[in-house]
Protein backbone atom coordinates (compact mmCIF):
# COMPACT_ATOMS: atom_id res chain seq x y z
CA UNK A 1 19.60 -2.52 16.46
CA UNK A 2 17.44 -4.35 14.40
CA UNK A 3 16.02 -2.64 11.48
CA UNK A 4 13.26 -1.37 11.54
CA UNK A 5 12.73 -0.79 14.96
CA UNK A 6 8.83 0.37 14.46
CA UNK A 7 7.01 -0.33 11.59
CA UNK A 8 3.38 1.00 10.86
CA UNK A 9 1.02 -1.20 8.50
CA UNK A 10 -1.31 1.50 7.21
CA UNK A 11 -4.83 0.00 6.35
CA UNK A 12 -7.59 2.28 4.18
CA UNK A 13 -11.15 1.46 4.60
CA UNK A 14 -14.73 1.22 3.61
CA UNK A 15 -17.15 -1.09 4.86
CA UNK A 16 -14.58 -3.96 6.02
CA UNK A 17 -15.79 -4.29 9.35
CA UNK A 18 -16.01 -8.23 8.87
CA UNK A 19 -12.59 -8.14 7.41
CA UNK A 20 -10.61 -5.99 9.85
CA UNK A 21 -11.84 -7.91 12.94
CA UNK A 22 -10.02 -10.87 11.72
CA UNK A 23 -7.17 -9.17 10.19
CA UNK A 24 -5.81 -7.01 12.88
CA UNK A 25 -4.96 -9.82 15.41
CA UNK A 26 -3.49 -11.67 12.56
CA UNK A 27 -1.05 -8.99 11.86
CA UNK A 28 0.03 -8.52 15.33
CA UNK A 29 0.69 -12.18 15.58
CA UNK A 30 3.26 -11.62 12.45
CA UNK A 31 6.00 -9.42 14.69
CA UNK A 32 5.73 -7.36 17.92
CA UNK A 33 7.24 -4.19 15.80
CA UNK A 34 4.07 -3.73 14.01
CA UNK A 35 1.49 -1.28 14.64
CA UNK A 36 -1.68 -0.53 12.72
CA UNK A 37 -3.12 2.62 11.28
CA UNK A 38 -6.84 2.25 10.25
CA UNK A 39 -8.04 5.24 7.52
CA UNK A 40 -12.08 4.99 7.44
CA UNK A 41 -13.76 6.78 4.93
CA UNK A 42 -17.05 7.12 6.96
CA UNK A 43 -17.92 2.96 6.51
CA UNK A 44 -21.89 2.70 6.89
CA UNK A 45 -21.11 -0.62 8.03
CA UNK A 46 -19.45 0.86 11.25
CA UNK A 47 -16.04 -0.49 10.71
CA UNK A 48 -14.84 2.64 13.13
CA UNK A 49 -16.62 1.17 15.70
CA UNK A 50 -15.06 -2.11 15.34
CA UNK A 51 -11.78 -0.46 15.60
CA UNK A 52 -12.50 1.62 18.51
CA UNK A 53 -14.02 -1.56 19.97
CA UNK A 54 -10.37 -3.87 19.55
CA UNK A 55 -8.83 -0.77 21.22
CA UNK A 56 -11.04 -1.22 24.27
CA UNK A 57 -10.12 -4.86 24.67
CA UNK A 58 -6.63 -4.19 24.87
CA UNK A 59 -5.04 -2.95 21.47
CA UNK A 60 -5.00 0.83 22.30
CA UNK A 61 -1.09 1.42 22.24
CA UNK A 62 -0.48 -0.57 19.03
CA UNK A 63 -4.03 -0.18 16.93
CA UNK A 64 -5.07 3.13 15.85
CA UNK A 65 -7.45 5.01 13.63
CA UNK A 66 -8.13 7.83 11.60
CA UNK A 67 -12.05 8.90 10.92
CA UNK A 68 -12.82 10.60 7.77
CA UNK A 69 -15.89 12.31 6.86
CA UNK A 70 -16.66 10.62 3.49
CA UNK A 71 -15.39 8.77 0.54
CA UNK A 72 -11.84 10.57 0.01
CA UNK A 73 -10.01 8.20 -1.92
CA UNK A 74 -7.15 5.61 -1.56
CA UNK A 75 -4.33 7.92 -2.49
CA UNK A 76 -5.28 10.69 -0.08
CA UNK A 77 -5.77 8.13 2.69
CA UNK A 78 -2.28 6.84 2.00
CA UNK A 79 -0.84 10.41 2.02
CA UNK A 80 -2.51 11.20 5.31
CA UNK A 81 -1.23 7.72 6.89
CA UNK A 82 2.27 8.39 5.57
CA UNK A 83 1.93 12.14 7.36
CA UNK A 84 0.94 10.67 10.33
CA UNK A 85 3.09 7.68 10.76
CA UNK A 86 6.15 10.16 9.88
CA UNK A 87 5.25 12.66 12.31
CA UNK A 88 5.45 9.79 15.35
CA UNK A 89 8.76 8.18 13.94
CA UNK A 90 7.93 5.22 12.53
CA UNK A 91 10.65 4.14 10.37
CA UNK A 92 9.03 1.85 8.00
CA UNK A 93 5.54 2.30 6.58
CA UNK A 94 3.46 -0.43 4.91
CA UNK A 95 0.79 -0.10 2.54
CA UNK A 96 -1.63 -3.23 2.85
CA UNK A 97 -5.31 -3.88 1.61
CA UNK A 98 -8.29 -4.50 4.59
CA UNK A 99 -9.91 -7.48 2.49
CA UNK A 100 -7.22 -10.19 3.49
CA UNK A 101 -6.17 -10.04 -0.81
CA UNK A 102 -2.36 -9.45 1.05
CA UNK A 103 -1.25 -11.98 3.42
CA UNK A 104 0.06 -11.03 6.81
CA UNK A 105 2.33 -14.01 6.91
CA UNK A 106 4.08 -11.95 4.10
CA UNK A 107 4.80 -9.21 6.39
CA UNK A 108 7.73 -10.86 8.06
CA UNK A 109 9.69 -11.32 4.49
CA UNK A 110 8.74 -7.64 3.77
CA UNK A 111 10.63 -6.46 7.10
CA UNK A 112 13.63 -9.07 6.47
CA UNK A 113 13.89 -7.17 3.18
CA UNK A 114 13.61 -3.75 4.88
CA UNK A 115 17.16 -4.47 6.80
CA UNK A 116 18.54 -4.26 2.94
CA UNK A 117 16.43 -2.02 0.61
CA UNK A 118 14.84 1.45 0.92
CA UNK A 119 11.47 0.07 0.07
CA UNK A 120 9.76 -3.22 -0.74
CA UNK A 121 7.15 -4.52 -3.15
CA UNK A 122 5.06 -7.61 -3.34
CA UNK A 123 4.85 -8.36 -6.46
CA UNK A 124 2.06 -10.77 -8.62
CA UNK A 125 4.23 -11.23 -11.45
CA UNK A 126 7.36 -12.71 -10.44
CA UNK A 127 8.41 -16.13 -9.98
CA UNK A 128 6.10 -17.64 -7.10
CA UNK A 129 3.85 -14.77 -7.32
CA UNK A 130 0.26 -14.75 -8.54
CA UNK A 131 -3.45 -14.12 -8.33
CA UNK A 132 -6.26 -16.50 -6.91
CA UNK A 133 -9.66 -16.21 -8.10
CA UNK A 134 -9.69 -13.39 -10.39
CA UNK A 135 -11.91 -12.96 -13.65
CA UNK A 136 -10.31 -12.49 -17.18
CA UNK A 137 -11.21 -9.21 -17.43
CA UNK A 138 -9.09 -7.81 -14.31
CA UNK A 139 -6.40 -10.04 -14.88
CA UNK A 140 -6.47 -8.23 -18.36
CA UNK A 141 -6.66 -4.90 -16.78
CA UNK A 142 -4.03 -5.59 -13.93
CA UNK A 143 -1.41 -6.90 -16.50
CA UNK A 144 -2.13 -4.33 -19.29
CA UNK A 145 -1.63 -1.82 -16.75
CA UNK A 146 1.77 -2.78 -15.41
CA UNK A 147 3.13 -3.58 -18.80
CA UNK A 148 2.07 -0.17 -20.37
CA UNK A 149 3.30 1.55 -17.22
CA UNK A 150 6.89 -0.01 -17.92
CA UNK A 151 6.97 1.17 -21.62
CA UNK A 152 6.06 4.83 -21.23
CA UNK A 153 7.73 4.92 -17.97
CA UNK A 154 10.99 2.94 -19.18
CA UNK A 155 10.86 1.54 -15.62
CA UNK A 156 11.35 -2.23 -14.88
CA UNK A 157 9.03 -2.90 -11.88
CA UNK A 158 7.43 -6.40 -12.45
CA UNK A 159 4.36 -5.35 -10.54
CA UNK A 160 4.01 -1.55 -11.06
CA UNK A 161 0.37 -1.58 -9.82
CA UNK A 162 0.19 -3.70 -6.97
CA UNK A 163 -0.73 -1.94 -3.16
CA UNK A 164 1.12 -4.19 -0.85
CA UNK A 165 4.21 -2.22 -0.31
CA UNK A 166 6.78 -0.79 2.24
CA UNK A 167 8.76 2.14 2.58
CA UNK A 168 11.80 3.69 4.61
CA UNK A 169 10.93 6.88 6.17
CA UNK A 170 13.77 8.38 4.14
CA UNK A 171 12.20 7.50 1.04
CA UNK A 172 8.84 8.86 1.87
CA UNK A 173 10.18 11.99 3.26
CA UNK A 174 11.91 12.30 0.07
CA UNK A 175 8.89 11.66 -2.32
CA UNK A 176 6.92 14.07 -0.33
CA UNK A 177 3.83 12.21 -0.64
CA UNK A 178 1.60 15.61 -0.13
CA UNK A 179 2.51 16.58 -3.73
CA UNK A 180 1.30 13.60 -5.18
CA UNK A 181 -2.38 13.99 -6.91
CA UNK A 182 -3.12 10.43 -8.51
CA UNK A 183 -5.33 7.73 -6.79
CA UNK A 184 -5.97 4.06 -7.20
CA UNK A 185 -3.62 2.27 -9.79
CA UNK A 186 -1.96 5.35 -10.74
CA UNK A 187 -0.96 6.51 -6.70
CA UNK A 188 0.92 2.95 -6.86
CA UNK A 189 2.64 3.57 -9.76
CA UNK A 190 3.40 7.38 -9.21
CA UNK A 191 5.07 6.03 -6.02
CA UNK A 192 7.43 3.70 -7.13
CA UNK A 193 8.33 5.35 -10.17
CA UNK A 194 9.10 8.63 -8.32
CA UNK A 195 11.24 6.27 -5.10
CA UNK A 196 12.90 5.03 -8.43
CA UNK A 197 14.02 7.91 -10.25
CA UNK A 198 15.08 9.61 -6.70
CA UNK A 199 17.83 6.50 -7.01
CA UNK A 200 16.42 4.67 -3.76
CA UNK A 201 17.16 0.61 -3.95
CA UNK A 202 14.12 -2.07 -3.89
CA UNK A 203 13.41 -5.66 -3.95
CA UNK A 204 10.17 -7.19 -5.23
CA UNK A 205 9.24 -10.14 -3.79
CA UNK A 206 6.80 -12.90 -4.34
CA UNK A 207 3.19 -12.39 -2.91
CA UNK A 208 0.22 -14.61 -4.17
CA UNK A 209 -3.13 -12.25 -4.36
CA UNK A 210 -6.30 -13.78 -3.04
CA UNK A 211 -9.96 -12.47 -4.13
CA UNK A 212 -11.32 -10.71 -1.09
CA UNK A 213 -12.80 -12.89 1.65
CA UNK A 214 -15.90 -10.43 1.86
CA UNK A 215 -17.91 -7.40 0.39
CA UNK A 216 -17.12 -5.36 -2.74
CA UNK A 217 -14.37 -4.90 -4.92
CA UNK A 218 -13.63 -1.15 -5.38
CA UNK A 219 -11.91 -1.50 -8.38
CA UNK A 220 -13.31 0.30 -11.19
CA UNK A 221 -13.08 0.51 -15.20
CA UNK A 222 -12.38 4.68 -14.05
CA UNK A 223 -9.58 3.93 -11.94
CA UNK A 224 -7.37 1.76 -14.75
CA UNK A 225 -8.62 4.51 -17.15
CA UNK A 226 -6.98 7.11 -14.87
CA UNK A 227 -3.52 5.12 -14.83
CA UNK A 228 -3.55 5.35 -18.71
CA UNK A 229 -3.01 9.05 -19.10
CA UNK A 230 -1.57 9.63 -15.36
CA UNK A 231 1.54 7.45 -16.49
CA UNK A 232 2.75 10.09 -19.58
CA UNK A 233 2.01 13.02 -16.69
CA UNK A 234 4.65 11.09 -14.20
CA UNK A 235 6.99 10.85 -16.66
CA UNK A 236 7.31 14.28 -17.51
CA UNK A 237 6.73 15.62 -14.09
CA UNK A 238 9.20 13.48 -12.52
CA UNK A 239 11.85 12.70 -15.43
CA UNK A 240 14.40 15.77 -14.52
CA UNK A 241 13.21 14.77 -10.56
CA UNK A 242 16.69 15.04 -8.12
CA UNK A 243 18.59 12.09 -7.62
CA UNK A 244 19.87 10.30 -4.19
CA UNK A 245 23.38 11.24 -3.37
């Protein structure tokens, strides 16, 4: 049987109506195994209503919505999404941005790599990867966060902070995402570091990260600053964690 048999793309949203209306059909066009879970934090632009409209247009068996009462953070959205997907027996769960920063076409390669590795990381910082339309300040923050994390955690991920990642159900069940408390950059770092410490195999493949098509970026200096002190917490919290045998 082809693995994964059922894959879930988890997309947290806040004011992403315009982007999402075009992204959803583009994802479904990639592979029939893909289902989508949108986790919306009470978007004022009525993103949730747009999802409901798409469900009524024939996507109700593959497109799902979790509406939350307010802005609760990226990390908590993914934790809730992972839990939802595992309860429904999805065997591969994918993190993806709603703003077209991640190319839906790259999902095909991620699914192929899922046959060989426990988790898959879309990387901007290996040969063939890159970023488009980023300013100097954003490039500096992203690069510095990755280098800093590698040095502190002594782990070799080229793209520690990237948010386009795929996880087998086995990895997520071992990590127990509900025990994670970080957000933003640091949430992505902790997930990867925890999976690596548990001994799971992974692959990084090149992606080109493109600036959002519409709307406002949610990255902030506070989110980047959190990652600086969180990585030390991760190092001591997970250094003696159980290994996979």
